[in-house]
Amino acid sequence: GRGTDPLALLPKEVGEFEVVLVVAYGGDEPSQQSVMPLDVLGPRDACGKCGGDNSTCLGCDGVPASGLVLDRCGACVHPQGPLFDACFGCDGVRDSGIALDACGVCGGANESCSDCFGVPGGVAVVDACGVCGGDGSSCAGCDGVPNSGLALDKCGVCGGGDACLGCDG
């Protein structure tokens, strides 16, 4: 009828129907009539597919649009997550157990970026006296220079020759 919402005339159920389009120009008899097939697929599924069954975006967890996939290890995980393909070592071998060390070296022992204490990313270095984290004072002479060999003499003079003692010493 006139003034009716055309969408209200569509079938409410899923199926195949025929739509008869009638155009009348002022008279009682239709001026033009067309019959068109109409396939009503139903509402859109969670994947956005009209009349779909959610299978086109179903995750491996059975949840539509979850984004979870089966990885090469057979685990249902997010493809960008830390557990994706977790059964593979950094060497690309399944179940190898080889991992990146703290320095980012595959199978490394944290040596390439460790300080002299073995701390990855640490800043300690061996000083001039051979002491890790030392300040060079443990082998410094009385002049403050590491490994200078200078010592205080019996007179308290750095590098002196005990001159204050005289000949009879």
C-alpha atoms as a PDB file:
ATOM      1  CA  GLY A   1       0.000   0.000   0.000  1.00  0.00           C
ATOM      2  CA  ARG A   2       0.875   3.626  -0.243  1.00  0.00           C
ATOM      3  CA  GLY A   3       3.032   5.082   2.538  1.00  0.00           C
ATOM      4  CA  THR A   4       4.231   1.631   3.607  1.00  0.00           C
ATOM      5  CA  ASP A   5       7.909   1.153   4.497  1.00  0.00           C
ATOM      6  CA  PRO A   6       9.271  -1.058   1.692  1.00  0.00           C
ATOM      7  CA  LEU A   7      11.502  -2.962   4.147  1.00  0.00           C
ATOM      8  CA  ALA A   8       8.430  -3.952   6.147  1.00  0.00           C
ATOM      9  CA  LEU A   9       7.202  -5.857   3.096  1.00  0.00           C
ATOM     10  CA  LEU A  10      10.244  -8.159   3.024  1.00  0.00           C
ATOM     11  CA  PRO A  11       9.831 -11.701   4.360  1.00  0.00           C
ATOM     12  CA  LYS A  12      10.844 -12.237   7.971  1.00  0.00           C
ATOM     13  CA  GLU A  13      12.181 -15.754   7.444  1.00  0.00           C
ATOM     14  CA  VAL A  14      15.032 -17.209   5.411  1.00  0.00           C
ATOM     15  CA  GLY A  15      14.174 -18.675   2.028  1.00  0.00           C
ATOM     16  CA  GLU A  16      13.568 -18.007  -1.652  1.00  0.00           C
ATOM     17  CA  PHE A  17      10.705 -15.724  -2.608  1.00  0.00           C
ATOM     18  CA  GLU A  18       9.359 -13.788  -5.574  1.00  0.00           C
ATOM     19  CA  VAL A  19       8.811 -10.067  -5.406  1.00  0.00           C
ATOM     20  CA  VAL A  20       6.175  -8.579  -7.671  1.00  0.00           C
ATOM     21  CA  LEU A  21       6.886  -4.951  -8.476  1.00  0.00           C
ATOM     22  CA  VAL A  22       3.799  -3.088  -9.630  1.00  0.00           C
ATOM     23  CA  VAL A  23       3.904   0.467 -10.922  1.00  0.00           C
ATOM     24  CA  ALA A  24       0.626   2.316 -11.437  1.00  0.00           C
ATOM     25  CA  TYR A  25       0.363   5.772 -12.952  1.00  0.00           C
ATOM     26  CA  GLY A  26      -2.903   7.175 -11.667  1.00  0.00           C
ATOM     27  CA  GLY A  27      -5.247   4.422 -12.829  1.00  0.00           C
ATOM     28  CA  ASP A  28      -6.538   1.237 -11.253  1.00  0.00           C
ATOM     29  CA  GLU A  29      -4.768  -0.994 -13.709  1.00  0.00           C
ATOM     30  CA  PRO A  30      -0.987  -1.406 -13.330  1.00  0.00           C
ATOM     31  CA  SER A  31       1.019   0.306 -16.010  1.00  0.00           C
ATOM     32  CA  GLN A  32       3.992  -1.954 -15.452  1.00  0.00           C
ATOM     33  CA  GLN A  33       4.540  -5.195 -13.552  1.00  0.00           C
ATOM     34  CA  SER A  34       7.773  -7.119 -12.891  1.00  0.00           C
ATOM     35  CA  VAL A  35       8.454 -10.370 -11.069  1.00  0.00           C
ATOM     36  CA  MET A  36      11.914 -10.691  -9.485  1.00  0.00           C
ATOM     37  CA  PRO A  37      13.401 -13.568  -7.485  1.00  0.00           C
ATOM     38  CA  LEU A  38      14.470 -12.706  -3.931  1.00  0.00           C
ATOM     39  CA  ASP A  39      16.801 -14.911  -1.927  1.00  0.00           C
ATOM     40  CA  VAL A  40      16.585 -14.011   1.761  1.00  0.00           C
ATOM     41  CA  LEU A  41      19.690 -15.344   3.470  1.00  0.00           C
ATOM     42  CA  GLY A  42      18.925 -14.108   6.932  1.00  0.00           C
ATOM     43  CA  PRO A  43      20.877 -11.825   9.225  1.00  0.00           C
ATOM     44  CA  ARG A  44      24.632 -11.340   9.102  1.00  0.00           C
ATOM     45  CA  ASP A  45      26.729 -13.654  11.259  1.00  0.00           C
ATOM     46  CA  ALA A  46      29.512 -12.549  13.619  1.00  0.00           C
ATOM     47  CA  CYS A  47      31.889 -12.596  10.637  1.00  0.00           C
ATOM     48  CA  GLY A  48      29.723 -10.089   8.761  1.00  0.00           C
ATOM     49  CA  LYS A  49      28.570 -12.647   6.195  1.00  0.00           C
ATOM     50  CA  CYS A  50      24.917 -12.432   5.289  1.00  0.00           C
ATOM     51  CA  GLY A  51      23.243 -15.696   6.227  1.00  0.00           C
ATOM     52  CA  GLY A  52      26.589 -17.088   7.365  1.00  0.00           C
ATOM     53  CA  ASP A  53      27.216 -19.611  10.109  1.00  0.00           C
ATOM     54  CA  ASN A  54      30.287 -17.908  11.671  1.00  0.00           C
ATOM     55  CA  SER A  55      32.594 -20.467  10.048  1.00  0.00           C
ATOM     56  CA  THR A  56      34.468 -17.945   7.902  1.00  0.00           C
ATOM     57  CA  CYS A  57      36.029 -16.222  10.934  1.00  0.00           C
ATOM     58  CA  LEU A  58      35.873 -18.970  13.542  1.00  0.00           C
ATOM     59  CA  GLY A  59      38.988 -19.154  15.708  1.00  0.00           C
ATOM     60  CA  CYS A  60      40.522 -22.465  16.725  1.00  0.00           C
ATOM     61  CA  ASP A  61      38.914 -21.891  20.139  1.00  0.00           C
ATOM     62  CA  GLY A  62      35.450 -22.077  18.542  1.00  0.00           C
ATOM     63  CA  VAL A  63      34.784 -18.364  19.097  1.00  0.00           C
ATOM     64  CA  PRO A  64      33.922 -16.251  16.035  1.00  0.00           C
ATOM     65  CA  ALA A  65      36.481 -13.513  15.310  1.00  0.00           C
ATOM     66  CA  SER A  66      38.680 -14.463  18.296  1.00  0.00           C
ATOM     67  CA  GLY A  67      41.784 -14.241  16.102  1.00  0.00           C
ATOM     68  CA  LEU A  68      43.238 -17.436  17.579  1.00  0.00           C
ATOM     69  CA  VAL A  69      44.915 -19.876  15.190  1.00  0.00           C
ATOM     70  CA  LEU A  70      46.654 -23.221  15.438  1.00  0.00           C
ATOM     71  CA  ASP A  71      50.408 -22.710  15.335  1.00  0.00           C
ATOM     72  CA  ARG A  72      52.981 -25.236  14.084  1.00  0.00           C
ATOM     73  CA  CYS A  73      53.129 -26.706  17.593  1.00  0.00           C
ATOM     74  CA  GLY A  74      49.395 -27.472  17.563  1.00  0.00           C
ATOM     75  CA  ALA A  75      48.602 -24.808  20.174  1.00  0.00           C
ATOM     76  CA  CYS A  76      45.591 -22.512  19.777  1.00  0.00           C
ATOM     77  CA  VAL A  77      47.179 -19.072  20.266  1.00  0.00           C
ATOM     78  CA  HIS A  78      47.239 -15.488  18.973  1.00  0.00           C
ATOM     79  CA  PRO A  79      49.548 -15.318  15.922  1.00  0.00           C
ATOM     80  CA  GLN A  80      51.432 -12.271  17.260  1.00  0.00           C
ATOM     81  CA  GLY A  81      51.545 -13.512  20.856  1.00  0.00           C
ATOM     82  CA  PRO A  82      54.623 -14.704  22.749  1.00  0.00           C
ATOM     83  CA  LEU A  83      53.403 -18.315  22.762  1.00  0.00           C
ATOM     84  CA  PHE A  84      53.045 -18.592  18.965  1.00  0.00           C
ATOM     85  CA  ASP A  85      55.285 -21.452  17.740  1.00  0.00           C
ATOM     86  CA  ALA A  86      56.759 -21.622  21.262  1.00  0.00           C
ATOM     87  CA  CYS A  87      57.881 -25.239  20.782  1.00  0.00           C
ATOM     88  CA  PHE A  88      60.508 -24.028  18.289  1.00  0.00           C
ATOM     89  CA  GLY A  89      63.872 -22.858  19.520  1.00  0.00           C
ATOM     90  CA  CYS A  90      65.509 -19.705  18.210  1.00  0.00           C
ATOM     91  CA  ASP A  91      67.430 -22.035  15.886  1.00  0.00           C
ATOM     92  CA  GLY A  92      64.146 -22.917  14.119  1.00  0.00           C
ATOM     93  CA  VAL A  93      64.245 -26.547  15.294  1.00  0.00           C
ATOM     94  CA  ARG A  94      61.152 -27.964  16.998  1.00  0.00           C
ATOM     95  CA  ASP A  95      61.685 -28.844  20.675  1.00  0.00           C
ATOM     96  CA  SER A  96      65.402 -27.952  20.555  1.00  0.00           C
ATOM     97  CA  GLY A  97      65.112 -25.938  23.764  1.00  0.00           C
ATOM     98  CA  ILE A  98      67.610 -23.406  22.418  1.00  0.00           C
ATOM     99  CA  ALA A  99      66.661 -19.847  23.340  1.00  0.00           C
ATOM    100  CA  LEU A 100      67.965 -16.323  22.969  1.00  0.00           C
ATOM    101  CA  ASP A 101      70.233 -15.313  25.826  1.00  0.00           C
ATOM    102  CA  ALA A 102      70.006 -11.950  27.602  1.00  0.00           C
ATOM    103  CA  CYS A 103      72.311 -10.500  24.944  1.00  0.00           C
ATOM    104  CA  GLY A 104      70.012 -11.595  22.091  1.00  0.00           C
ATOM    105  CA  VAL A 105      72.336 -14.380  20.921  1.00  0.00           C
ATOM    106  CA  CYS A 106      70.644 -17.659  19.944  1.00  0.00           C
ATOM    107  CA  GLY A 107      72.023 -20.336  22.233  1.00  0.00           C
ATOM    108  CA  GLY A 108      74.429 -17.846  23.788  1.00  0.00           C
ATOM    109  CA  ALA A 109      75.658 -17.857  27.373  1.00  0.00           C
ATOM    110  CA  ASN A 110      75.125 -14.145  28.117  1.00  0.00           C
ATOM    111  CA  GLU A 111      78.820 -13.519  27.474  1.00  0.00           C
ATOM    112  CA  SER A 112      78.754 -11.094  24.570  1.00  0.00           C
ATOM    113  CA  CYS A 113      77.099  -8.314  26.579  1.00  0.00           C
ATOM    114  CA  SER A 114      78.155  -9.189  30.124  1.00  0.00           C
ATOM    115  CA  ASP A 115      80.508  -7.257  32.353  1.00  0.00           C
ATOM    116  CA  CYS A 116      83.418  -8.809  34.292  1.00  0.00           C
ATOM    117  CA  PHE A 117      80.997  -9.944  37.038  1.00  0.00           C
ATOM    118  CA  GLY A 118      78.991 -11.857  34.412  1.00  0.00           C
ATOM    119  CA  VAL A 119      76.015  -9.477  34.598  1.00  0.00           C
ATOM    120  CA  PRO A 120      74.362  -9.096  31.154  1.00  0.00           C
ATOM    121  CA  GLY A 121      74.330  -5.414  30.304  1.00  0.00           C
ATOM    122  CA  GLY A 122      76.442  -4.644  33.385  1.00  0.00           C
ATOM    123  CA  VAL A 123      78.999  -1.845  33.455  1.00  0.00           C
ATOM    124  CA  ALA A 124      81.774  -3.277  35.641  1.00  0.00           C
ATOM    125  CA  VAL A 125      85.212  -3.527  33.998  1.00  0.00           C
ATOM    126  CA  VAL A 126      88.569  -4.908  35.072  1.00  0.00           C
ATOM    127  CA  ASP A 127      90.752  -2.086  36.383  1.00  0.00           C
ATOM    128  CA  ALA A 128      94.504  -1.596  35.811  1.00  0.00           C
ATOM    129  CA  CYS A 129      95.191  -3.844  38.781  1.00  0.00           C
ATOM    130  CA  GLY A 130      93.199  -6.738  37.288  1.00  0.00           C
ATOM    131  CA  VAL A 131      90.326  -6.286  39.760  1.00  0.00           C
ATOM    132  CA  CYS A 132      86.762  -6.511  38.400  1.00  0.00           C
ATOM    133  CA  GLY A 133      84.935  -3.353  39.350  1.00  0.00           C
ATOM    134  CA  GLY A 134      88.047  -1.970  41.023  1.00  0.00           C
ATOM    135  CA  ASP A 135      89.196   1.621  40.991  1.00  0.00           C
ATOM    136  CA  GLY A 136      92.879   0.963  40.303  1.00  0.00           C
ATOM    137  CA  SER A 137      93.913   1.646  43.877  1.00  0.00           C
ATOM    138  CA  SER A 138      94.705  -1.893  44.994  1.00  0.00           C
ATOM    139  CA  CYS A 139      97.948  -1.974  43.005  1.00  0.00           C
ATOM    140  CA  ALA A 140      98.716   1.729  43.010  1.00  0.00           C
ATOM    141  CA  GLY A 141     102.012   2.976  44.268  1.00  0.00           C
ATOM    142  CA  CYS A 142     102.288   5.709  46.832  1.00  0.00           C
ATOM    143  CA  ASP A 143     102.081   8.157  43.939  1.00  0.00           C
ATOM    144  CA  GLY A 144      98.518   6.918  43.146  1.00  0.00           C
ATOM    145  CA  VAL A 145      99.573   5.429  39.804  1.00  0.00           C
ATOM    146  CA  PRO A 146      98.579   1.764  39.337  1.00  0.00           C
ATOM    147  CA  ASN A 147     101.569  -0.583  39.072  1.00  0.00           C
ATOM    148  CA  SER A 148     104.126   2.234  39.464  1.00  0.00           C
ATOM    149  CA  GLY A 149     105.988   0.162  42.034  1.00  0.00           C
ATOM    150  CA  LEU A 150     106.645   3.202  44.217  1.00  0.00           C
ATOM    151  CA  ALA A 151     106.339   2.758  47.958  1.00  0.00           C
ATOM    152  CA  LEU A 152     106.925   4.885  51.005  1.00  0.00           C
ATOM    153  CA  ASP A 153     110.421   4.543  52.354  1.00  0.00           C
ATOM    154  CA  LYS A 154     111.249   4.295  56.072  1.00  0.00           C
ATOM    155  CA  CYS A 155     111.262   8.069  56.187  1.00  0.00           C
ATOM    156  CA  GLY A 156     107.698   8.337  54.766  1.00  0.00           C
ATOM    157  CA  VAL A 157     108.867   9.635  51.407  1.00  0.00           C
ATOM    158  CA  CYS A 158     107.165   8.193  48.315  1.00  0.00           C
ATOM    159  CA  GLY A 159     109.815   6.516  46.218  1.00  0.00           C
ATOM    160  CA  GLY A 160     112.499   7.832  48.532  1.00  0.00           C
ATOM    161  CA  GLY A 161     115.668   5.945  49.265  1.00  0.00           C
ATOM    162  CA  ASP A 162     115.490   6.053  53.055  1.00  0.00           C
ATOM    163  CA  ALA A 163     117.805   9.105  52.943  1.00  0.00           C
ATOM    164  CA  CYS A 164     116.696  10.301  56.342  1.00  0.00           C
ATOM    165  CA  LEU A 165     118.307   7.347  58.072  1.00  0.00           C
ATOM    166  CA  GLY A 166     121.869   8.350  57.337  1.00  0.00           C
ATOM    167  CA  CYS A 167     124.783   6.040  56.731  1.00  0.00           C
ATOM    168  CA  ASP A 168     124.295   3.960  59.813  1.00  0.00           C
ATOM    169  CA  GLY A 169     120.637   3.361  58.870  1.00  0.00           C
END
